[in-house]
Amino acid sequence: MLTLLGASYLASAGELEEYARAANRLATLSQVAQQEGKTPPRITEGEGKELIALLSNRQRFLDSRSVAPGELNELSLLCGEMTKAMMNYMMFDLQRIDRSNKDPAALSAAVAAAARENIQRYQDEIALLMPMPVLCMGKQLPLLEQFLTTLKPEEITETRQRGIAMTQNGLLNSMLGALTGIGDPSVREENQLKMLNVLAEVAPVYAAALPLNNRSYITALARTALLNSPPAFTDALLRILAAMENMECTGLCSRTS
């Protein structure tokens, strides 16, 4: 048994290293492109095509992996690399932002506007990469909950409580972003559906980690979207609704401060 566990760990560690190398290579190519006034690597050509195919391979890096509770840290690192690969496009060339206005709110709004432009420009790449950190978080949440159950009450420190709140806020924003983006004419329907379908897949796990008020907010948005969206979105929206309408509050939900 120990031999099998060791082999499994080493294999997954090797995959983490390979994924990290690909993510770093993508970041390097993007930095060079930015310096030269070009676009980041695209899915349609060259090395970008190969890198994105690797970085978006959910079967290899996620679906085929069963992660033991002791591998939570390693899984967290993998999720971080997946987020980095996706953010490479969302945050590309932020140097173009006008920083003459030093007001933090104005700067934050400018960053958000630039990110929206990047989502439109690089939507094909983002639609392939964004599901990876979402699915990875779906694997991570049950392990995180198991870890928290091993802690004594005094070990749930303010720092850990803030970490839980940040995680829940990230889950909420993922759901809100996909739901409010339905019908955006600047993003093709097929790309909107890719993201919504992935969120529908992880909705039960996400819902279990979210506070009840967050679930109610998502439920209201999903119901509105269901009334106003094309039929292609119906199945995913119904699955999200079914998950978010569950009012049981245990695990991470019960740890809301």
C-alpha atoms as a PDB file:
ATOM      1  CA  MET A   1       0.000   0.000   0.000  1.00  0.00           C
ATOM      2  CA  LEU A   2       2.781   2.466   0.863  1.00  0.00           C
ATOM      3  CA  THR A   3       4.450   1.758  -2.463  1.00  0.00           C
ATOM      4  CA  LEU A   4       1.221   2.482  -4.328  1.00  0.00           C
ATOM      5  CA  LEU A   5       0.650   5.708  -2.437  1.00  0.00           C
ATOM      6  CA  GLY A   6       4.220   6.811  -3.079  1.00  0.00           C
ATOM      7  CA  ALA A   7       3.945   6.111  -6.804  1.00  0.00           C
ATOM      8  CA  SER A   8       0.662   8.009  -6.997  1.00  0.00           C
ATOM      9  CA  TYR A   9       2.156  11.000  -5.218  1.00  0.00           C
ATOM     10  CA  LEU A  10       5.256  11.091  -7.406  1.00  0.00           C
ATOM     11  CA  ALA A  11       3.188  10.816 -10.587  1.00  0.00           C
ATOM     12  CA  SER A  12       0.946  13.699  -9.574  1.00  0.00           C
ATOM     13  CA  ALA A  13       3.952  15.760  -8.448  1.00  0.00           C
ATOM     14  CA  GLY A  14       5.496  15.261 -11.879  1.00  0.00           C
ATOM     15  CA  GLU A  15       2.294  16.435 -13.521  1.00  0.00           C
ATOM     16  CA  LEU A  16       2.288  19.522 -11.308  1.00  0.00           C
ATOM     17  CA  GLU A  17       5.815  20.333 -12.451  1.00  0.00           C
ATOM     18  CA  GLU A  18       4.876  19.849 -16.105  1.00  0.00           C
ATOM     19  CA  TYR A  19       1.804  22.044 -15.729  1.00  0.00           C
ATOM     20  CA  ALA A  20       3.821  24.735 -13.954  1.00  0.00           C
ATOM     21  CA  ARG A  21       6.461  24.711 -16.713  1.00  0.00           C
ATOM     22  CA  ALA A  22       3.789  25.162 -19.364  1.00  0.00           C
ATOM     23  CA  ALA A  23       2.112  27.968 -17.395  1.00  0.00           C
ATOM     24  CA  ASN A  24       5.447  29.726 -16.919  1.00  0.00           C
ATOM     25  CA  ARG A  25       6.283  29.350 -20.609  1.00  0.00           C
ATOM     26  CA  LEU A  26       2.924  30.879 -21.523  1.00  0.00           C
ATOM     27  CA  ALA A  27       3.616  33.777 -19.158  1.00  0.00           C
ATOM     28  CA  THR A  28       7.082  34.317 -20.645  1.00  0.00           C
ATOM     29  CA  LEU A  29       5.752  34.386 -24.207  1.00  0.00           C
ATOM     30  CA  SER A  30       3.056  36.834 -23.143  1.00  0.00           C
ATOM     31  CA  GLN A  31       5.579  39.149 -21.480  1.00  0.00           C
ATOM     32  CA  VAL A  32       7.697  39.180 -24.629  1.00  0.00           C
ATOM     33  CA  ALA A  33       4.623  39.849 -26.757  1.00  0.00           C
ATOM     34  CA  GLN A  34       3.623  42.727 -24.495  1.00  0.00           C
ATOM     35  CA  GLN A  35       7.086  44.278 -24.736  1.00  0.00           C
ATOM     36  CA  GLU A  36       6.945  44.005 -28.523  1.00  0.00           C
ATOM     37  CA  GLY A  37       3.411  45.396 -28.765  1.00  0.00           C
ATOM     38  CA  LYS A  38       1.980  42.095 -29.955  1.00  0.00           C
ATOM     39  CA  THR A  39      -0.847  39.859 -28.758  1.00  0.00           C
ATOM     40  CA  PRO A  40      -0.307  36.966 -26.317  1.00  0.00           C
ATOM     41  CA  PRO A  41      -0.072  33.384 -27.647  1.00  0.00           C
ATOM     42  CA  ARG A  42      -3.270  32.404 -29.463  1.00  0.00           C
ATOM     43  CA  ILE A  43      -5.066  29.082 -29.608  1.00  0.00           C
ATOM     44  CA  THR A  44      -5.010  29.100 -33.399  1.00  0.00           C
ATOM     45  CA  GLU A  45      -1.284  28.992 -34.019  1.00  0.00           C
ATOM     46  CA  GLY A  46       2.204  27.978 -33.033  1.00  0.00           C
ATOM     47  CA  GLU A  47       3.386  27.291 -29.526  1.00  0.00           C
ATOM     48  CA  GLY A  48       0.310  28.937 -28.049  1.00  0.00           C
ATOM     49  CA  LYS A  49      -1.863  26.212 -29.531  1.00  0.00           C
ATOM     50  CA  GLU A  50       0.274  23.484 -27.956  1.00  0.00           C
ATOM     51  CA  LEU A  51       0.519  25.176 -24.562  1.00  0.00           C
ATOM     52  CA  ILE A  52      -3.194  25.891 -24.261  1.00  0.00           C
ATOM     53  CA  ALA A  53      -4.053  22.346 -25.333  1.00  0.00           C
ATOM     54  CA  LEU A  54      -1.890  21.079 -22.477  1.00  0.00           C
ATOM     55  CA  LEU A  55      -3.053  23.627 -19.906  1.00  0.00           C
ATOM     56  CA  SER A  56      -6.738  22.966 -20.643  1.00  0.00           C
ATOM     57  CA  ASN A  57      -6.477  19.154 -20.511  1.00  0.00           C
ATOM     58  CA  ARG A  58      -8.940  18.433 -17.695  1.00  0.00           C
ATOM     59  CA  GLN A  59      -8.926  14.687 -18.270  1.00  0.00           C
ATOM     60  CA  ARG A  60      -5.208  14.417 -17.641  1.00  0.00           C
ATOM     61  CA  PHE A  61      -4.725  16.906 -14.832  1.00  0.00           C
ATOM     62  CA  LEU A  62      -8.072  16.712 -13.003  1.00  0.00           C
ATOM     63  CA  ASP A  63     -10.583  14.060 -14.038  1.00  0.00           C
ATOM     64  CA  SER A  64      -8.152  11.139 -13.897  1.00  0.00           C
ATOM     65  CA  ARG A  65      -6.767  12.159 -10.489  1.00  0.00           C
ATOM     66  CA  SER A  66      -8.054  10.974  -7.150  1.00  0.00           C
ATOM     67  CA  VAL A  67      -6.494  13.225  -4.539  1.00  0.00           C
ATOM     68  CA  ALA A  68      -5.874  12.049  -0.987  1.00  0.00           C
ATOM     69  CA  PRO A  69      -6.480  14.435   1.945  1.00  0.00           C
ATOM     70  CA  GLY A  70      -2.734  14.623   2.525  1.00  0.00           C
ATOM     71  CA  GLU A  71      -2.260  16.102  -0.952  1.00  0.00           C
ATOM     72  CA  LEU A  72      -4.283  19.247  -0.284  1.00  0.00           C
ATOM     73  CA  ASN A  73      -1.216  21.491  -0.462  1.00  0.00           C
ATOM     74  CA  GLU A  74      -0.125  19.993  -3.766  1.00  0.00           C
ATOM     75  CA  LEU A  75      -3.629  20.374  -5.192  1.00  0.00           C
ATOM     76  CA  SER A  76      -3.682  23.998  -4.028  1.00  0.00           C
ATOM     77  CA  LEU A  77      -0.460  24.620  -5.948  1.00  0.00           C
ATOM     78  CA  LEU A  78      -1.959  23.046  -9.071  1.00  0.00           C
ATOM     79  CA  CYS A  79      -5.080  25.202  -8.742  1.00  0.00           C
ATOM     80  CA  GLY A  80      -2.824  28.238  -8.421  1.00  0.00           C
ATOM     81  CA  GLU A  81      -0.986  27.394 -11.636  1.00  0.00           C
ATOM     82  CA  MET A  82      -4.316  26.939 -13.411  1.00  0.00           C
ATOM     83  CA  THR A  83      -5.469  30.340 -12.203  1.00  0.00           C
ATOM     84  CA  LYS A  84      -2.184  31.894 -13.344  1.00  0.00           C
ATOM     85  CA  ALA A  85      -2.589  30.474 -16.845  1.00  0.00           C
ATOM     86  CA  MET A  86      -6.081  31.932 -17.150  1.00  0.00           C
ATOM     87  CA  MET A  87      -5.191  35.306 -15.605  1.00  0.00           C
ATOM     88  CA  ASN A  88      -2.356  35.571 -18.130  1.00  0.00           C
ATOM     89  CA  TYR A  89      -5.029  36.578 -20.661  1.00  0.00           C
ATOM     90  CA  MET A  90      -7.443  38.459 -18.430  1.00  0.00           C
ATOM     91  CA  MET A  91      -4.681  40.704 -17.074  1.00  0.00           C
ATOM     92  CA  PHE A  92      -2.646  41.032 -20.279  1.00  0.00           C
ATOM     93  CA  ASP A  93      -0.993  44.409 -20.957  1.00  0.00           C
ATOM     94  CA  LEU A  94      -2.357  46.318 -17.974  1.00  0.00           C
ATOM     95  CA  GLN A  95       0.366  48.883 -18.655  1.00  0.00           C
ATOM     96  CA  ARG A  96      -2.048  50.455 -21.131  1.00  0.00           C
ATOM     97  CA  ILE A  97      -4.161  51.702 -18.223  1.00  0.00           C
ATOM     98  CA  ASP A  98      -4.099  55.431 -17.528  1.00  0.00           C
ATOM     99  CA  ARG A  99      -2.591  55.706 -14.055  1.00  0.00           C
ATOM    100  CA  SER A 100      -2.619  59.496 -13.838  1.00  0.00           C
ATOM    101  CA  ASN A 101      -5.641  59.318 -11.540  1.00  0.00           C
ATOM    102  CA  LYS A 102      -4.261  58.075  -8.226  1.00  0.00           C
ATOM    103  CA  ASP A 103      -7.677  57.468  -6.691  1.00  0.00           C
ATOM    104  CA  PRO A 104      -7.815  53.749  -5.716  1.00  0.00           C
ATOM    105  CA  ALA A 105     -11.434  53.409  -6.825  1.00  0.00           C
ATOM    106  CA  ALA A 106     -10.687  54.917 -10.231  1.00  0.00           C
ATOM    107  CA  LEU A 107      -7.654  52.676 -10.695  1.00  0.00           C
ATOM    108  CA  SER A 108      -9.677  49.616  -9.710  1.00  0.00           C
ATOM    109  CA  ALA A 109     -12.361  50.550 -12.230  1.00  0.00           C
ATOM    110  CA  ALA A 110      -9.727  50.987 -14.944  1.00  0.00           C
ATOM    111  CA  VAL A 111      -8.275  47.542 -14.218  1.00  0.00           C
ATOM    112  CA  ALA A 112     -11.757  46.001 -14.361  1.00  0.00           C
ATOM    113  CA  ALA A 113     -12.452  47.707 -17.689  1.00  0.00           C
ATOM    114  CA  ALA A 114      -9.152  46.465 -19.135  1.00  0.00           C
ATOM    115  CA  ALA A 115      -9.951  42.936 -17.945  1.00  0.00           C
ATOM    116  CA  ARG A 116     -13.340  43.086 -19.680  1.00  0.00           C
ATOM    117  CA  GLU A 117     -11.645  44.158 -22.906  1.00  0.00           C
ATOM    118  CA  ASN A 118      -9.234  41.243 -22.608  1.00  0.00           C
ATOM    119  CA  ILE A 119     -12.094  38.806 -22.019  1.00  0.00           C
ATOM    120  CA  GLN A 120     -13.626  39.984 -25.283  1.00  0.00           C
ATOM    121  CA  ARG A 121     -10.355  39.909 -27.241  1.00  0.00           C
ATOM    122  CA  TYR A 122      -9.044  36.606 -25.922  1.00  0.00           C
ATOM    123  CA  GLN A 123     -12.329  34.873 -25.191  1.00  0.00           C
ATOM    124  CA  ASP A 124     -11.415  31.691 -27.063  1.00  0.00           C
ATOM    125  CA  GLU A 125      -8.311  31.161 -24.951  1.00  0.00           C
ATOM    126  CA  ILE A 126     -10.058  32.140 -21.706  1.00  0.00           C
ATOM    127  CA  ALA A 127     -13.023  29.863 -22.441  1.00  0.00           C
ATOM    128  CA  LEU A 128     -10.614  26.918 -22.541  1.00  0.00           C
ATOM    129  CA  LEU A 129      -8.459  27.902 -19.566  1.00  0.00           C
ATOM    130  CA  MET A 130     -11.011  29.306 -17.120  1.00  0.00           C
ATOM    131  CA  PRO A 131     -12.792  25.974 -16.458  1.00  0.00           C
ATOM    132  CA  MET A 132      -9.565  24.485 -15.082  1.00  0.00           C
ATOM    133  CA  PRO A 133      -9.296  26.501 -11.823  1.00  0.00           C
ATOM    134  CA  VAL A 134     -13.079  26.193 -11.361  1.00  0.00           C
ATOM    135  CA  LEU A 135     -12.926  22.402 -11.599  1.00  0.00           C
ATOM    136  CA  CYS A 136      -9.768  22.311  -9.495  1.00  0.00           C
ATOM    137  CA  MET A 137     -11.516  24.238  -6.745  1.00  0.00           C
ATOM    138  CA  GLY A 138     -14.330  21.712  -6.957  1.00  0.00           C
ATOM    139  CA  LYS A 139     -11.784  19.037  -6.023  1.00  0.00           C
ATOM    140  CA  GLN A 140     -10.141  21.198  -3.388  1.00  0.00           C
ATOM    141  CA  LEU A 141     -13.209  22.199  -1.359  1.00  0.00           C
ATOM    142  CA  PRO A 142     -14.063  18.748   0.076  1.00  0.00           C
ATOM    143  CA  LEU A 143     -10.424  18.297   1.148  1.00  0.00           C
ATOM    144  CA  LEU A 144     -10.392  21.735   2.737  1.00  0.00           C
ATOM    145  CA  GLU A 145     -13.540  20.885   4.660  1.00  0.00           C
ATOM    146  CA  GLN A 146     -12.004  17.604   5.846  1.00  0.00           C
ATOM    147  CA  PHE A 147      -8.903  19.473   6.987  1.00  0.00           C
ATOM    148  CA  LEU A 148     -10.932  21.989   8.965  1.00  0.00           C
ATOM    149  CA  THR A 149     -12.744  19.214  10.820  1.00  0.00           C
ATOM    150  CA  THR A 150      -9.381  18.068  12.208  1.00  0.00           C
ATOM    151  CA  LEU A 151      -8.743  21.449  13.832  1.00  0.00           C
ATOM    152  CA  LYS A 152      -9.625  22.349  17.390  1.00  0.00           C
ATOM    153  CA  PRO A 153     -11.890  25.408  17.851  1.00  0.00           C
ATOM    154  CA  GLU A 154      -8.947  27.506  19.022  1.00  0.00           C
ATOM    155  CA  GLU A 155      -7.079  26.586  15.841  1.00  0.00           C
ATOM    156  CA  ILE A 156      -9.699  28.309  13.680  1.00  0.00           C
ATOM    157  CA  THR A 157      -7.784  31.566  13.917  1.00  0.00           C
ATOM    158  CA  GLU A 158      -8.783  34.926  12.487  1.00  0.00           C
ATOM    159  CA  THR A 159      -6.331  34.350   9.656  1.00  0.00           C
ATOM    160  CA  ARG A 160      -7.983  31.046   8.770  1.00  0.00           C
ATOM    161  CA  GLN A 161     -11.424  32.602   9.112  1.00  0.00           C
ATOM    162  CA  ARG A 162     -10.402  35.330   6.671  1.00  0.00           C
ATOM    163  CA  GLY A 163      -9.109  32.655   4.316  1.00  0.00           C
ATOM    164  CA  ILE A 164     -12.476  30.893   4.421  1.00  0.00           C
ATOM    165  CA  ALA A 165     -14.261  34.174   3.697  1.00  0.00           C
ATOM    166  CA  MET A 166     -11.928  34.896   0.759  1.00  0.00           C
ATOM    167  CA  THR A 167     -12.546  31.426  -0.656  1.00  0.00           C
ATOM    168  CA  GLN A 168     -16.301  31.867  -0.375  1.00  0.00           C
ATOM    169  CA  ASN A 169     -16.082  35.287  -2.013  1.00  0.00           C
ATOM    170  CA  GLY A 170     -14.155  33.774  -4.917  1.00  0.00           C
ATOM    171  CA  LEU A 171     -16.815  31.095  -5.386  1.00  0.00           C
ATOM    172  CA  LEU A 172     -19.553  33.710  -5.338  1.00  0.00           C
ATOM    173  CA  ASN A 173     -17.778  35.911  -7.879  1.00  0.00           C
ATOM    174  CA  SER A 174     -17.272  32.963 -10.234  1.00  0.00           C
ATOM    175  CA  MET A 175     -20.992  32.272 -10.216  1.00  0.00           C
ATOM    176  CA  LEU A 176     -21.965  35.927 -10.545  1.00  0.00           C
ATOM    177  CA  GLY A 177     -19.552  36.504 -13.413  1.00  0.00           C
ATOM    178  CA  ALA A 178     -20.978  33.653 -15.461  1.00  0.00           C
ATOM    179  CA  LEU A 179     -24.619  34.469 -14.716  1.00  0.00           C
ATOM    180  CA  THR A 180     -24.354  38.196 -15.397  1.00  0.00           C
ATOM    181  CA  GLY A 181     -22.353  37.504 -18.557  1.00  0.00           C
ATOM    182  CA  ILE A 182     -25.171  35.567 -20.210  1.00  0.00           C
ATOM    183  CA  GLY A 183     -26.328  37.477 -23.255  1.00  0.00           C
ATOM    184  CA  ASP A 184     -23.222  39.669 -23.510  1.00  0.00           C
ATOM    185  CA  PRO A 185     -23.062  40.346 -27.272  1.00  0.00           C
ATOM    186  CA  SER A 186     -19.277  40.726 -27.175  1.00  0.00           C
ATOM    187  CA  VAL A 187     -18.746  37.113 -26.018  1.00  0.00           C
ATOM    188  CA  ARG A 188     -19.923  34.309 -28.257  1.00  0.00           C
ATOM    189  CA  GLU A 189     -22.689  32.099 -26.911  1.00  0.00           C
ATOM    190  CA  GLU A 190     -20.563  28.958 -27.189  1.00  0.00           C
ATOM    191  CA  ASN A 191     -17.937  30.508 -24.914  1.00  0.00           C
ATOM    192  CA  GLN A 192     -20.549  31.651 -22.402  1.00  0.00           C
ATOM    193  CA  LEU A 193     -21.934  28.110 -22.352  1.00  0.00           C
ATOM    194  CA  LYS A 194     -18.531  26.539 -21.731  1.00  0.00           C
ATOM    195  CA  MET A 195     -18.165  28.479 -18.513  1.00  0.00           C
ATOM    196  CA  LEU A 196     -21.747  28.068 -17.372  1.00  0.00           C
ATOM    197  CA  ASN A 197     -21.694  24.311 -17.956  1.00  0.00           C
ATOM    198  CA  VAL A 198     -18.553  23.932 -15.850  1.00  0.00           C
ATOM    199  CA  LEU A 199     -20.106  25.943 -13.022  1.00  0.00           C
ATOM    200  CA  ALA A 200     -23.234  23.803 -13.231  1.00  0.00           C
ATOM    201  CA  GLU A 201     -20.987  20.761 -12.860  1.00  0.00           C
ATOM    202  CA  VAL A 202     -19.405  22.017  -9.632  1.00  0.00           C
ATOM    203  CA  ALA A 203     -22.499  23.829  -8.332  1.00  0.00           C
ATOM    204  CA  PRO A 204     -23.342  21.235  -5.625  1.00  0.00           C
ATOM    205  CA  VAL A 205     -19.818  21.453  -4.169  1.00  0.00           C
ATOM    206  CA  TYR A 206     -19.735  25.244  -4.441  1.00  0.00           C
ATOM    207  CA  ALA A 207     -23.186  25.563  -2.872  1.00  0.00           C
ATOM    208  CA  ALA A 208     -22.173  23.457   0.123  1.00  0.00           C
ATOM    209  CA  ALA A 209     -19.326  25.890   0.816  1.00  0.00           C
ATOM    210  CA  LEU A 210     -21.334  29.097   0.370  1.00  0.00           C
ATOM    211  CA  PRO A 211     -23.301  30.954   3.056  1.00  0.00           C
ATOM    212  CA  LEU A 212     -27.070  30.775   2.647  1.00  0.00           C
ATOM    213  CA  ASN A 213     -27.389  34.460   1.734  1.00  0.00           C
ATOM    214  CA  ASN A 214     -24.906  33.940  -1.123  1.00  0.00           C
ATOM    215  CA  ARG A 215     -26.910  30.975  -2.368  1.00  0.00           C
ATOM    216  CA  SER A 216     -30.106  33.011  -2.278  1.00  0.00           C
ATOM    217  CA  TYR A 217     -28.479  35.778  -4.323  1.00  0.00           C
ATOM    218  CA  ILE A 218     -27.222  33.303  -6.923  1.00  0.00           C
ATOM    219  CA  THR A 219     -30.652  31.648  -7.017  1.00  0.00           C
ATOM    220  CA  ALA A 220     -32.348  34.972  -7.763  1.00  0.00           C
ATOM    221  CA  LEU A 221     -29.919  35.741 -10.588  1.00  0.00           C
ATOM    222  CA  ALA A 222     -30.246  32.249 -12.052  1.00  0.00           C
ATOM    223  CA  ARG A 223     -34.045  32.482 -12.051  1.00  0.00           C
ATOM    224  CA  THR A 224     -33.896  35.801 -13.877  1.00  0.00           C
ATOM    225  CA  ALA A 225     -31.402  34.383 -16.363  1.00  0.00           C
ATOM    226  CA  LEU A 226     -33.661  31.379 -16.928  1.00  0.00           C
ATOM    227  CA  LEU A 227     -36.483  33.681 -18.007  1.00  0.00           C
ATOM    228  CA  ASN A 228     -34.325  35.713 -20.383  1.00  0.00           C
ATOM    229  CA  SER A 229     -31.787  33.257 -21.817  1.00  0.00           C
ATOM    230  CA  PRO A 230     -31.820  31.140 -24.984  1.00  0.00           C
ATOM    231  CA  PRO A 231     -32.868  27.485 -24.578  1.00  0.00           C
ATOM    232  CA  ALA A 232     -29.245  26.351 -24.797  1.00  0.00           C
ATOM    233  CA  PHE A 233     -28.650  27.738 -21.293  1.00  0.00           C
ATOM    234  CA  THR A 234     -31.660  26.079 -19.646  1.00  0.00           C
ATOM    235  CA  ASP A 235     -30.070  22.820 -18.522  1.00  0.00           C
ATOM    236  CA  ALA A 236     -27.054  24.459 -16.863  1.00  0.00           C
ATOM    237  CA  LEU A 237     -29.218  27.077 -15.153  1.00  0.00           C
ATOM    238  CA  LEU A 238     -31.583  24.438 -13.781  1.00  0.00           C
ATOM    239  CA  ARG A 239     -28.650  22.485 -12.371  1.00  0.00           C
ATOM    240  CA  ILE A 240     -27.282  25.607 -10.698  1.00  0.00           C
ATOM    241  CA  LEU A 241     -30.721  26.373  -9.267  1.00  0.00           C
ATOM    242  CA  ALA A 242     -31.129  22.852  -7.902  1.00  0.00           C
ATOM    243  CA  ALA A 243     -27.807  23.147  -6.077  1.00  0.00           C
ATOM    244  CA  MET A 244     -28.257  26.674  -4.749  1.00  0.00           C
ATOM    245  CA  GLU A 245     -31.826  26.112  -3.523  1.00  0.00           C
ATOM    246  CA  ASN A 246     -30.536  23.539  -1.025  1.00  0.00           C
ATOM    247  CA  MET A 247     -30.722  25.276   2.363  1.00  0.00           C
ATOM    248  CA  GLU A 248     -28.649  22.770   4.337  1.00  0.00           C
ATOM    249  CA  CYS A 249     -25.749  24.599   5.997  1.00  0.00           C
ATOM    250  CA  THR A 250     -22.894  22.441   7.240  1.00  0.00           C
ATOM    251  CA  GLY A 251     -19.157  22.341   6.603  1.00  0.00           C
ATOM    252  CA  LEU A 252     -17.707  25.562   5.209  1.00  0.00           C
ATOM    253  CA  CYS A 253     -21.151  27.150   5.091  1.00  0.00           C
ATOM    254  CA  SER A 254     -21.495  26.811   8.864  1.00  0.00           C
ATOM    255  CA  ARG A 255     -18.122  28.464   9.397  1.00  0.00           C
ATOM    256  CA  THR A 256     -19.234  31.810   8.022  1.00  0.00           C
ATOM    257  CA  SER A 257     -18.293  34.517  10.491  1.00  0.00           C
END
